[in-house]
Amino acid sequence: CEIDPEAVGHIECSGIPNGASSPPLETRLYQKRWMIVLLFSSYSLSNAYQWIQYGIISNIMMRFYNVEAFAVDWLSMIFMLTYIPCIFPVTWLLDKKGLRVMALLANALNCAGTWIKVASANPNLFWVTMLGQFASSLGQVFILGMPSRLASEWFGADEVSTACSIGVFGNQLGIAIGFLIPPILVPNVDDMDELAQHIRIMFYISAGVATVIFILVIIGKSTRATGDPSHSGQAQARNIPPEDYSYMASILRLLTNKPFMLLVVSYGLNVGCFYAVSTLLNRMIIEQYPGEEVNAGRIGLTIVIAGMVGSLICGLWLDKTKTYKQTTLGIYLLSLIGMLVYAVTLNLGHLWLVFIMAGLLGFFMTGYLPLGFEFAVELTYPESEGTSSGLLNCSAQIFGIIFTIAQGKIIDKWGTLTGNIFLCIFLLIGSVMTGFIKSDLRRQKANLQAEVQTASVSTCVCVLHKVRGGIFTSLWRGNV
């Protein structure tokens, strides 16, 4: 700092930008941020359960509704299809209205979908159950883009990757429950009336859970912090005035960001493969191990539980090391290896081996999800996290539909091994693309700059206090 002797009280600090009259805002972190991310994980869980609950008992649903396998596959793919046209208006709404409005809309739609499906437990009402899935799929559009935005607004710079991983954790846990519970609640019985009763009970349970979570989200309004939420360092550093922000301009900047677009395609390839494997898992297992519907669900559970462990470990690793590209590329390559091993061992006739290989596949493939979100935020900073996440998820939905349809046709004609090798080819392409991504960690640079600026201001204030103390001491002693 420099003291200007001709201007009383005037201080110039090299760490403060020209024209700045005050130091940067102090970061304040609220303890309730953990409750917020856990609540988000809860309704993400409920929504993810809706996505997969039909696919893991697809053979039973085909017989109950008297429809083809492709029609049951669409009960999962409707989530992917709905996302593609809706993500851009929803992302715009996230930027304009914030997380609170998004949470309310997401839970209202998800809850409505679960109650619509309660009325569809009749062999002649397949269209009603599809309508319920459509309502829940609209809720998913609001939910999927929220983890990185929530982490950025409520958590500190050393917590964002962990918080994002916890947000994704809820979605993965919902998929895990969606693999485990439906085969237990809906056994493959011959009596159609008994089967309808089992399906109705499954629908009532999911509707009750979704309703309780919706009520908690509504009540959460009374516990909201006064003023703005606790903005992390990276949120503070995003110094874009609202009047200067343009959503369309942000989209155009992202589309011309070459490293980010490489990540968009590679992320879509990886997650699209995961969507295809999850949707078609029942068909793959039943083809090799007839009558093993419950174990098919348990294998899906193994995939996701292992993936949740992978997600949390990857999030903690990123917060400690900040090695975004290296970690993303490493996990991608291991996902490819896991898929190859799973494809080869699936038809060997050893169910215990399938469990082990499925866990290995899930650890890396599902563990990749939060890595993609956080790497995208680094590459696109200071653009909105909701916008970058939305483009990533849009890519994943597009490839998810393509891979699910294509792999389903390949399995029907040439078997599960060929279908899984088909996915391995695209994972290899994604690994190569990830290797070409330039690691430009913009958010980390901004955080470092903000820390240096804050340190400069602190030094300036310390010097000012010392100068003032010396002047007052001299006045007291009669020296001035």
Foldseek 3Di string as FASTA:
>chain_A
DDDDPVDPPDDDFPLDDPPDDDFFDDFDADPCLVVVLVLLLLLLLLLLLQQQLCLLVVVLLCVLLVHDSVLSLVLNLLLLVLLQVPLLVLLVCCVVPHDLVLVLQLLVLLLQLLVQVLVQLHSPRPVSNSVSSNSSSVSVSSSQLPQQQSLQARHAPLCSLLSSLSNLLSNLNSLLCSLAPNCVQQPNDDDNVVNSVSSSVVSVVSSVSSVVSSVVSVVCVVVDDPDGHRGYLLRSLQPDDPVRDDSVVLVVVQVPLVLLVLLLQLLLLLLLLVLQCSSCQNVQLCVQPPPPSNLSSVLSSLLSVLQSVLQNVVSNVCSVPVPLLVVLLVLLVQLLVLLLVLLVPSNPNDSVVNSVSSNSNSNRSSSNVSSSLVQQCQSSPPRRSSSSSSSSSSSNSVSNVVLNVVLVVCCVPPRRSVSSVVSSVSSVVSSVSSVPRDRRRNSVVSSVSSVVSNVSVVVSVVVVVVVVVVVVVCVVVVND
